[in-house]
Protein backbone atom coordinates (compact mmCIF):
# COMPACT_ATOMS: atom_id res chain seq x y z
CA UNK A 1 51.92 -57.32 -46.19
CA UNK A 2 52.07 -54.58 -48.77
CA UNK A 3 48.43 -54.64 -49.79
CA UNK A 4 47.40 -54.09 -46.06
CA UNK A 5 49.49 -51.12 -45.65
CA UNK A 6 47.82 -49.60 -48.66
CA UNK A 7 44.44 -50.44 -47.14
CA UNK A 8 45.27 -48.71 -43.99
CA UNK A 9 46.62 -45.54 -45.84
CA UNK A 10 43.50 -45.47 -47.70
CA UNK A 11 41.47 -45.72 -44.81
CA UNK A 12 43.29 -42.97 -43.07
CA UNK A 13 43.03 -40.88 -46.05
CA UNK A 14 39.31 -41.26 -46.73
CA UNK A 15 39.09 -40.51 -42.94
CA UNK A 16 41.04 -37.18 -43.28
CA UNK A 17 38.74 -36.38 -46.13
CA UNK A 18 35.77 -37.02 -44.48
CA UNK A 19 36.62 -35.04 -41.56
CA UNK A 20 37.94 -32.11 -43.68
CA UNK A 21 34.43 -31.22 -44.60
CA UNK A 22 32.11 -29.80 -41.84
CA UNK A 23 28.16 -28.62 -42.47
CA UNK A 24 27.18 -25.54 -40.59
CA UNK A 25 23.57 -25.37 -40.18
CA UNK A 26 21.63 -22.11 -40.92
CA UNK A 27 21.09 -21.20 -37.30
CA UNK A 28 24.53 -21.73 -36.71
CA UNK A 29 27.97 -19.83 -37.26
CA UNK A 30 31.65 -21.60 -37.12
CA UNK A 31 34.60 -19.91 -35.74
CA UNK A 32 37.67 -21.49 -37.18
CA UNK A 33 41.29 -21.25 -36.09
CA UNK A 34 44.50 -22.25 -37.99
CA UNK A 35 47.22 -23.05 -35.67
CA UNK A 36 45.27 -21.81 -32.55
CA UNK A 37 44.78 -18.18 -34.57
CA UNK A 38 41.55 -16.84 -35.31
CA UNK A 39 41.11 -17.32 -39.25
CA UNK A 40 37.42 -16.60 -40.21
CA UNK A 41 33.64 -17.05 -39.23
CA UNK A 42 32.27 -19.89 -41.45
CA UNK A 43 28.64 -19.16 -42.75
CA UNK A 44 26.14 -21.86 -43.19
CA UNK A 45 26.77 -24.38 -45.60
CA UNK A 46 29.46 -27.07 -46.38
CA UNK A 47 33.09 -25.84 -45.34
CA UNK A 48 36.35 -27.35 -45.00
CA UNK A 49 38.67 -27.54 -41.95
CA UNK A 50 41.99 -29.09 -42.40
CA UNK A 51 42.29 -31.78 -39.89
CA UNK A 52 45.29 -31.05 -37.22
CA UNK A 53 46.18 -27.75 -38.96
CA UNK A 54 42.61 -26.28 -38.15
CA UNK A 55 40.23 -26.48 -35.63
CA UNK A 56 36.56 -24.70 -35.22
CA UNK A 57 33.79 -24.24 -32.91
CA UNK A 58 29.88 -24.29 -33.33
CA UNK A 59 27.97 -21.17 -31.94
CA UNK A 60 24.19 -21.19 -31.81
CA UNK A 61 22.69 -17.93 -33.03
CA UNK A 62 19.18 -18.64 -32.17
CA UNK A 63 17.33 -17.06 -29.02
CA UNK A 64 18.08 -18.76 -25.92
CA UNK A 65 16.03 -18.69 -22.82
CA UNK A 66 18.05 -19.16 -19.47
CA UNK A 67 15.99 -20.08 -16.42
CA UNK A 68 17.77 -17.90 -13.53
CA UNK A 69 17.58 -19.89 -10.33
CA UNK A 70 15.58 -18.78 -7.15
CA UNK A 71 17.76 -16.09 -5.66
CA UNK A 72 17.11 -14.56 -2.11
CA UNK A 73 17.61 -10.60 -1.92
CA UNK A 74 17.06 -7.82 0.80
CA UNK A 75 15.32 -4.95 -0.21
CA UNK A 76 15.96 -1.30 0.33
CA UNK A 77 13.39 -1.50 3.29
CA UNK A 78 14.97 -4.86 4.81
CA UNK A 79 12.57 -7.12 3.68
CA UNK A 80 13.80 -10.70 2.51
CA UNK A 81 12.31 -11.84 -0.91
CA UNK A 82 13.01 -14.78 -3.06
CA UNK A 83 12.82 -14.14 -6.85
CA UNK A 84 13.70 -16.18 -10.02
CA UNK A 85 13.76 -15.17 -13.48
CA UNK A 86 14.13 -15.90 -17.14
CA UNK A 87 16.47 -14.10 -19.71
CA UNK A 88 15.95 -13.92 -23.45
CA UNK A 89 19.26 -13.49 -25.40
CA UNK A 90 20.96 -14.38 -28.49
CA UNK A 91 24.76 -14.13 -29.79
CA UNK A 92 25.39 -11.26 -32.02
CA UNK A 93 29.07 -11.80 -32.77
CA UNK A 94 29.98 -15.10 -32.73
CA UNK A 95 33.86 -14.30 -32.77
CA UNK A 96 33.58 -12.27 -29.64
CA UNK A 97 31.31 -15.05 -27.85
CA UNK A 98 33.91 -17.57 -28.43
CA UNK A 99 37.27 -15.38 -27.82
CA UNK A 100 36.49 -12.78 -25.35
CA UNK A 101 34.34 -15.28 -22.91
CA UNK A 102 34.91 -18.93 -21.44
CA UNK A 103 31.59 -20.62 -21.76
CA UNK A 104 29.42 -17.62 -22.42
CA UNK A 105 26.07 -19.39 -21.73
CA UNK A 106 27.32 -19.93 -18.27
CA UNK A 107 28.75 -16.32 -17.79
CA UNK A 108 25.49 -14.84 -18.74
CA UNK A 109 23.62 -16.89 -16.18
CA UNK A 110 26.03 -15.85 -13.31
CA UNK A 111 25.91 -12.22 -14.42
CA UNK A 112 21.93 -12.20 -14.18
CA UNK A 113 21.98 -13.70 -10.78
CA UNK A 114 24.34 -11.17 -9.52
CA UNK A 115 22.45 -8.23 -11.36
CA UNK A 116 19.08 -9.25 -9.98
CA UNK A 117 20.13 -9.20 -6.35
CA UNK A 118 21.75 -5.99 -6.86
CA UNK A 119 18.64 -4.17 -8.66
CA UNK A 120 16.20 -5.50 -6.29
CA UNK A 121 18.23 -4.33 -2.91
CA UNK A 122 18.06 -1.09 -4.37
CA UNK A 123 14.30 -0.75 -4.69
CA UNK A 124 11.59 -0.67 -1.57
CA UNK A 125 9.07 -3.87 -1.37
CA UNK A 126 6.23 -1.78 -2.70
CA UNK A 127 7.77 -0.79 -5.60
CA UNK A 128 9.37 -4.09 -6.45
CA UNK A 129 5.74 -5.47 -6.17
CA UNK A 130 3.83 -2.66 -8.38
CA UNK A 131 6.95 -1.80 -10.74
CA UNK A 132 8.08 -5.36 -12.03
CA UNK A 133 7.98 -4.32 -15.41
CA UNK A 134 10.20 -1.24 -15.00
CA UNK A 135 12.76 -3.22 -12.69
CA UNK A 136 12.99 -6.18 -15.46
CA UNK A 137 13.86 -3.36 -17.99
CA UNK A 138 16.55 -2.47 -15.46
CA UNK A 139 17.97 -5.52 -15.10
CA UNK A 140 18.09 -6.14 -19.04
CA UNK A 141 19.93 -2.84 -19.33
CA UNK A 142 22.34 -3.72 -16.99
CA UNK A 143 22.93 -7.37 -18.25
CA UNK A 144 23.01 -6.23 -21.99
CA UNK A 145 25.48 -3.39 -21.13
CA UNK A 146 27.90 -5.81 -19.69
CA UNK A 147 27.57 -8.56 -22.19
CA UNK A 148 28.01 -6.23 -24.97
CA UNK A 149 31.65 -7.07 -25.22
CA UNK A 150 30.87 -10.49 -25.40
CA UNK A 151 28.74 -10.15 -28.49
CA UNK A 152 25.79 -11.12 -26.62
CA UNK A 153 22.43 -9.02 -27.17
CA UNK A 154 20.05 -9.70 -24.25
CA UNK A 155 16.56 -9.08 -25.38
CA UNK A 156 14.30 -9.27 -22.35
CA UNK A 157 14.12 -10.02 -18.60
CA UNK A 158 10.98 -11.46 -16.98
CA UNK A 159 10.60 -11.65 -13.59
CA UNK A 160 8.61 -14.83 -12.99
CA UNK A 161 7.72 -15.14 -9.17
CA UNK A 162 8.39 -12.82 -6.06
CA UNK A 163 7.98 -14.96 -3.06
CA UNK A 164 7.65 -13.41 0.51
CA UNK A 165 7.61 -15.16 3.82
CA UNK A 166 4.27 -16.10 5.29
CA UNK A 167 4.50 -13.40 8.10
CA UNK A 168 5.03 -10.82 5.65
CA UNK A 169 2.01 -11.90 3.61
CA UNK A 170 -0.20 -11.69 6.73
CA UNK A 171 1.18 -8.13 7.15
CA UNK A 172 0.47 -7.06 3.63
CA UNK A 173 -3.03 -8.51 3.98
CA UNK A 174 -3.67 -6.72 7.09
CA UNK A 175 -2.36 -3.18 5.42
CA UNK A 176 -4.67 -3.81 2.34
CA UNK A 177 -7.73 -4.69 4.57
CA UNK A 178 -6.80 -1.55 6.67
CA UNK A 179 -6.69 0.61 3.65
CA UNK A 180 -10.07 -0.88 2.19
CA UNK A 181 -11.83 0.07 5.58
CA UNK A 182 -10.41 3.52 5.37
CA UNK A 183 -11.88 4.00 1.91
CA UNK A 184 -15.11 2.51 2.84
CA UNK A 185 -15.37 5.05 5.70
CA UNK A 186 -14.39 7.81 3.72
CA UNK A 187 -16.82 6.97 1.07
CA UNK A 188 -19.55 6.72 3.53
CA UNK A 189 -18.57 9.94 4.97
CA UNK A 190 -18.79 11.53 1.87
CA UNK A 191 -22.17 10.09 1.01
CA UNK A 192 -23.85 11.36 4.30
CA UNK A 193 -22.22 14.57 3.80
CA UNK A 194 -23.79 14.75 0.11
CA UNK A 195 -27.09 13.67 1.38
CA UNK A 196 -26.95 16.20 4.47
CA UNK A 197 -26.68 19.19 1.89
CA UNK A 198 -29.41 17.64 -0.30
CA UNK A 199 -31.76 17.55 2.27
CA UNK A 200 -30.84 20.94 3.26
CA UNK A 201 -31.46 22.09 -0.05
CA UNK A 202 -34.93 20.25 -0.17
CA UNK A 203 -35.99 21.88 3.05
CA UNK A 204 -34.93 25.17 1.85
CA UNK A 205 -37.18 24.90 -1.02
CA UNK A 206 -40.02 23.34 0.72
CA UNK A 207 -40.24 25.98 3.20
CA UNK A 208 -40.04 28.83 0.59
CA UNK A 209 -43.26 27.51 -1.35
CA UNK A 210 -46.36 27.51 0.31
CA UNK A 211 -48.24 24.30 0.70
CA UNK A 212 -45.05 22.36 -0.58
CA UNK A 213 -44.79 20.54 2.65
CA UNK A 214 -48.61 19.48 2.62
CA UNK A 215 -47.98 18.22 -1.08
CA UNK A 216 -45.06 16.28 0.02
CA UNK A 217 -46.97 14.70 2.88
CA UNK A 218 -49.60 13.56 0.97
CA UNK A 219 -47.28 12.06 -1.81
CA UNK A 220 -45.91 10.21 1.46
CA UNK A 221 -49.17 8.79 2.40
CA UNK A 222 -50.14 7.52 -1.12
CA UNK A 223 -46.59 5.79 -1.10
CA UNK A 224 -47.61 4.12 2.19
CA UNK A 225 -51.17 3.25 1.29
CA UNK A 226 -50.29 0.74 -1.68
CA UNK A 227 -49.23 -1.63 1.17
CA UNK A 228 -52.20 -2.85 3.08
CA UNK A 229 -49.99 -4.26 5.91
CA UNK A 230 -48.59 -0.99 6.70
CA UNK A 231 -50.45 0.77 9.79
CA UNK A 232 -50.11 4.66 9.10
CA UNK A 233 -50.18 7.24 12.08
CA UNK A 234 -50.91 10.53 10.61
CA UNK A 235 -49.12 13.50 12.32
CA UNK A 236 -50.52 16.91 11.44
CA UNK A 237 -47.56 19.24 10.73
CA UNK A 238 -47.15 22.30 12.65
CA UNK A 239 -47.65 24.37 9.56
CA UNK A 240 -50.87 22.92 8.88
CA UNK A 241 -52.18 23.62 12.27
CA UNK A 242 -50.89 27.29 12.03
CA UNK A 243 -52.74 27.36 8.34
CA UNK A 244 -56.11 26.07 10.15
CA UNK A 245 -55.45 28.87 12.89
CA UNK A 246 -54.83 31.63 10.38
CA UNK A 247 -58.36 30.50 8.65
CA UNK A 248 -60.17 30.47 11.96
CA UNK A 249 -58.85 33.77 12.92
CA UNK A 250 -59.86 35.26 9.68
CA UNK A 251 -63.28 33.68 9.67
CA UNK A 252 -64.04 35.03 13.14
CA UNK A 253 -62.92 38.69 11.95
CA UNK A 254 -65.25 38.55 9.25
CA UNK A 255 -68.30 37.47 11.21
CA UNK A 256 -68.09 40.66 14.04
CA UNK A 257 -67.15 43.39 11.87
CA UNK A 258 -68.52 45.60 14.43
CA UNK A 259 -66.10 44.98 16.98
CA UNK A 260 -63.38 46.25 14.26
CA UNK A 261 -65.19 49.55 13.89
CA UNK A 262 -65.65 50.18 17.64
């Protein structure tokens, strides 16, 4: 009977010694308590924790990615949108993460949901769609400031999807189509104005130079004659008729000089 007692006591002693040693990984920190009171933060390696007297908590120091569930929010211009995001954060102070907040991972997720709805409610829909990076930065700053007393550092916040209702999508599509049509009409009007100015300048230069219009007419006929399928109807310009009339009048005057003398 005494032998069995020694065996049991020896097994208990071995178990107690085995539970005394704890391994802390490189990416972890251990927060140790003695009789419920904080004692130290254990660095990576083999560490001792006395059973019954001491206890400890593991804290993962790696960057964590938290998927924020889809949240419905109303923008400042009263448009309902659904948004989901992802948050990247890490524990900066293991002691604060254990002592200052209960279940810091759950707390960060809930804070992110609330902050995202509040920030989205302060901006218009156009700003939300066009300035996603700036809004993500604003959400990160608010969450980081709130989690700083918990020893947590928020590195980035990324808005993944912004989901609109189908009727709002159709409204935005019609707005974009109207904007494109407006730009097209404006560009066409500017092109016609520029073309009219160029044609006015060309007409002015042709009228100032003698024979310029005749040369232009001959160039036009030359370009049309390259295609045999075209039928060219030649219209004599008024300037050409006036030139012929002037030549005729000058010839008639030279042939009857006596009429001028009389």
